């Protein structure tokens, strides 16, 4: 799932119809007359789309020009209630993991264990990894000024002085926006 596909979905609003295919497990649930709230459902919608690729090519005169090539495709959007549940659990898991890691980094900075901005950035980058939940957080790290150091409470013997200030914010609106796409995925097929 990409921002481009999400934007297309929001702009075109494909009509999503309930799919007729069911897994064997879902067929058995219905045959056994299990309550409908335990059923998983799948919805499908489609739209036409054109993918354009730009490529720089050298002409016979030695100049470079941009050539565009396009292919007509069909985007098939699929919504799965089962996948929606998995996406929500995964988002909560990684959001909590990142938040806990940022608190640890903040404590390390406040206790004077981390004294270089690059070291903090490296640790945050390692914490984020490739988790989608990283987009729900922003952080700031900066060196403490002489005035900031003067305002610090007295340290106990053997306690380090911090050299940096670290803060972070969680943006719930970003997570909420992503939650609107839970359970959606796209299949792209060519029309030719």
Protein backbone atom coordinates (compact mmCIF):
# COMPACT_ATOMS: atom_id res chain seq x y z
CA UNK A 1 0.00 0.00 0.00
CA UNK A 2 1.46 3.36 -1.03
CA UNK A 3 0.45 6.99 -0.67
CA UNK A 4 -0.17 7.10 -4.43
CA UNK A 5 -2.64 4.20 -4.24
CA UNK A 6 -4.34 5.75 -1.20
CA UNK A 7 -4.70 9.08 -3.04
CA UNK A 8 -6.20 7.32 -6.08
CA UNK A 9 -8.60 5.44 -3.84
CA UNK A 10 -9.69 8.68 -2.13
CA UNK A 11 -10.08 10.57 -5.42
CA UNK A 12 -11.91 7.93 -7.45
CA UNK A 13 -13.88 6.23 -4.66
CA UNK A 14 -14.34 2.87 -6.43
CA UNK A 15 -17.63 1.12 -5.73
CA UNK A 16 -16.83 -1.79 -3.44
CA UNK A 17 -19.07 -4.86 -3.85
CA UNK A 18 -19.06 -7.89 -1.61
CA UNK A 19 -17.10 -10.73 -3.19
CA UNK A 20 -18.81 -14.04 -3.84
CA UNK A 21 -15.73 -16.18 -3.20
CA UNK A 22 -15.12 -17.50 0.32
CA UNK A 23 -12.38 -19.54 1.91
CA UNK A 24 -13.27 -23.05 3.06
CA UNK A 25 -13.19 -21.87 6.66
CA UNK A 26 -15.68 -19.10 5.90
CA UNK A 27 -17.94 -21.48 3.96
CA UNK A 28 -18.00 -23.81 6.98
CA UNK A 29 -18.90 -20.92 9.31
CA UNK A 30 -21.90 -20.08 7.18
CA UNK A 31 -22.96 -23.71 6.81
CA UNK A 32 -22.72 -24.18 10.58
CA UNK A 33 -24.86 -21.03 10.97
CA UNK A 34 -22.26 -19.25 13.11
CA UNK A 35 -23.24 -15.69 14.06
CA UNK A 36 -22.68 -13.21 11.20
CA UNK A 37 -20.39 -11.06 13.36
CA UNK A 38 -17.82 -13.90 13.27
CA UNK A 39 -17.80 -13.99 9.46
CA UNK A 40 -14.95 -12.51 7.47
CA UNK A 41 -15.97 -10.52 4.40
CA UNK A 42 -14.22 -9.42 1.23
CA UNK A 43 -15.16 -6.48 -0.95
CA UNK A 44 -13.82 -5.70 -4.43
CA UNK A 45 -13.78 -2.52 -6.51
CA UNK A 46 -11.93 -1.59 -9.68
CA UNK A 47 -10.89 1.39 -11.75
CA UNK A 48 -8.90 2.11 -14.88
CA UNK A 49 -5.48 3.67 -14.44
CA UNK A 50 -2.51 4.62 -16.59
CA UNK A 51 1.05 4.06 -15.43
CA UNK A 52 3.60 6.38 -17.05
CA UNK A 53 7.33 5.79 -16.99
CA UNK A 54 9.82 8.51 -17.93
CA UNK A 55 13.23 7.61 -19.25
CA UNK A 56 16.11 9.81 -20.42
CA UNK A 57 17.46 8.67 -23.79
CA UNK A 58 20.29 9.97 -25.93
CA UNK A 59 19.41 11.07 -29.43
CA UNK A 60 21.62 10.46 -32.48
CA UNK A 61 22.89 14.06 -32.17
CA UNK A 62 24.13 13.38 -28.63
CA UNK A 63 21.40 15.38 -26.87
CA UNK A 64 19.32 13.88 -24.10
CA UNK A 65 15.56 13.90 -24.17
CA UNK A 66 12.90 12.49 -21.91
CA UNK A 67 10.73 9.78 -23.37
CA UNK A 68 7.43 8.83 -21.79
CA UNK A 69 5.89 5.41 -22.06
CA UNK A 70 2.45 4.59 -20.75
CA UNK A 71 0.50 1.43 -20.17
CA UNK A 72 -3.19 1.17 -19.41
CA UNK A 73 -3.95 -0.90 -16.34
CA UNK A 74 -6.80 -1.91 -14.11
CA UNK A 75 -6.46 -1.38 -10.37
CA UNK A 76 -8.43 -3.88 -8.34
CA UNK A 77 -8.99 -2.75 -4.75
CA UNK A 78 -9.71 -5.52 -2.28
CA UNK A 79 -10.95 -4.95 1.27
CA UNK A 80 -10.67 -7.81 3.75
CA UNK A 81 -12.12 -7.67 7.26
CA UNK A 82 -9.56 -10.31 8.32
CA UNK A 83 -6.67 -8.19 7.06
CA UNK A 84 -8.21 -5.14 8.72
CA UNK A 85 -7.90 -6.84 12.14
CA UNK A 86 -4.29 -7.81 11.44
CA UNK A 87 -3.40 -4.24 10.34
CA UNK A 88 -4.89 -2.76 13.51
CA UNK A 89 -3.01 -5.17 15.78
CA UNK A 90 0.24 -4.52 13.93
CA UNK A 91 -0.20 -0.73 14.13
CA UNK A 92 -0.79 -0.85 17.89
CA UNK A 93 2.15 -3.21 18.42
CA UNK A 94 4.67 -1.08 16.53
CA UNK A 95 3.31 2.24 17.79
CA UNK A 96 3.77 1.02 21.38
CA UNK A 97 7.24 -0.35 20.58
CA UNK A 98 8.40 2.95 19.06
CA UNK A 99 6.89 5.01 21.90
CA UNK A 100 8.67 2.86 24.51
CA UNK A 101 11.95 3.12 22.59
CA UNK A 102 11.67 6.93 22.36
CA UNK A 103 11.11 7.12 26.13
CA UNK A 104 14.31 5.09 26.63
CA UNK A 105 16.24 7.41 24.32
CA UNK A 106 14.82 10.44 26.14
CA UNK A 107 15.95 8.98 29.49
CA UNK A 108 19.44 8.24 28.10
CA UNK A 109 19.77 11.83 26.89
CA UNK A 110 18.48 13.30 30.17
CA UNK A 111 20.87 11.13 32.18
CA UNK A 112 23.85 12.30 30.10
CA UNK A 113 24.56 8.92 28.50
CA UNK A 114 24.15 10.27 24.98
CA UNK A 115 26.12 13.41 24.21
CA UNK A 116 26.14 13.62 20.40
CA UNK A 117 23.20 14.52 18.15
CA UNK A 118 24.37 12.05 15.49
CA UNK A 119 24.31 9.21 18.04
CA UNK A 120 20.72 10.08 18.98
CA UNK A 121 19.68 10.26 15.31
CA UNK A 122 21.32 6.89 14.66
CA UNK A 123 19.52 5.28 17.59
CA UNK A 124 16.14 6.70 16.53
CA UNK A 125 16.71 5.50 12.95
CA UNK A 126 17.52 2.01 14.24
CA UNK A 127 14.38 2.07 16.40
CA UNK A 128 12.19 3.12 13.47
CA UNK A 129 13.60 0.54 11.08
CA UNK A 130 11.07 0.03 8.30
CA UNK A 131 8.02 0.21 10.56
CA UNK A 132 5.14 2.18 9.04
CA UNK A 133 4.34 3.51 12.54
CA UNK A 134 7.44 5.73 12.37
CA UNK A 135 5.37 8.26 10.42
CA UNK A 136 3.21 8.85 13.49
CA UNK A 137 6.15 10.30 15.44
CA UNK A 138 8.41 13.33 15.16
CA UNK A 139 11.35 14.12 17.40
CA UNK A 140 13.71 17.00 18.10
CA UNK A 141 17.22 16.83 19.52
CA UNK A 142 19.45 19.82 20.14
CA UNK A 143 22.47 20.79 22.19
CA UNK A 144 21.84 22.44 25.55
CA UNK A 145 22.92 26.06 25.81
CA UNK A 146 24.91 27.45 28.75
CA UNK A 147 21.67 28.95 30.09
CA UNK A 148 19.92 25.57 29.86
CA UNK A 149 22.78 23.94 31.78
CA UNK A 150 22.57 26.60 34.52
CA UNK A 151 18.85 25.90 34.98
CA UNK A 152 19.36 22.17 35.52
CA UNK A 153 18.76 20.85 39.04
CA UNK A 154 21.94 19.93 40.93
CA UNK A 155 23.33 16.50 40.12
CA UNK A 156 24.19 13.83 42.64
CA UNK A 157 27.84 12.77 42.96
CA UNK A 158 28.74 10.54 40.02
CA UNK A 159 25.67 11.61 38.01
CA UNK A 160 26.40 12.81 34.47
CA UNK A 161 25.31 16.17 33.12
CA UNK A 162 23.21 16.06 29.97
CA UNK A 163 24.58 17.74 26.86
CA UNK A 164 21.41 17.49 24.77
CA UNK A 165 17.69 18.07 24.93
CA UNK A 166 15.39 15.44 23.38
CA UNK A 167 11.64 15.52 22.86
CA UNK A 168 9.16 13.65 20.69
CA UNK A 169 5.52 13.90 19.68
CA UNK A 170 2.95 11.29 18.70
CA UNK A 171 0.56 12.41 15.95
CA UNK A 172 -2.67 10.49 16.49
CA UNK A 173 -4.25 12.11 13.42
CA UNK A 174 -1.70 10.39 11.15
CA UNK A 175 -2.41 7.00 12.70
CA UNK A 176 -6.15 7.63 12.40
CA UNK A 177 -5.79 8.47 8.70
CA UNK A 178 -3.84 5.25 8.08
CA UNK A 179 -6.48 3.27 9.98
CA UNK A 180 -8.96 4.22 7.26
CA UNK A 181 -6.97 2.06 4.83
CA UNK A 182 -6.74 -1.01 7.07
CA UNK A 183 -7.68 -4.15 5.20
CA UNK A 184 -7.25 -2.57 1.76
CA UNK A 185 -4.78 -3.78 -0.80
CA UNK A 186 -4.43 -3.37 -4.54
CA UNK A 187 -3.82 -5.67 -7.47
CA UNK A 188 -2.64 -4.05 -10.71
CA UNK A 189 -3.32 -5.87 -14.00
CA UNK A 190 -2.61 -4.83 -17.57
CA UNK A 191 -5.46 -4.36 -20.03
CA UNK A 192 -3.60 -5.59 -23.10
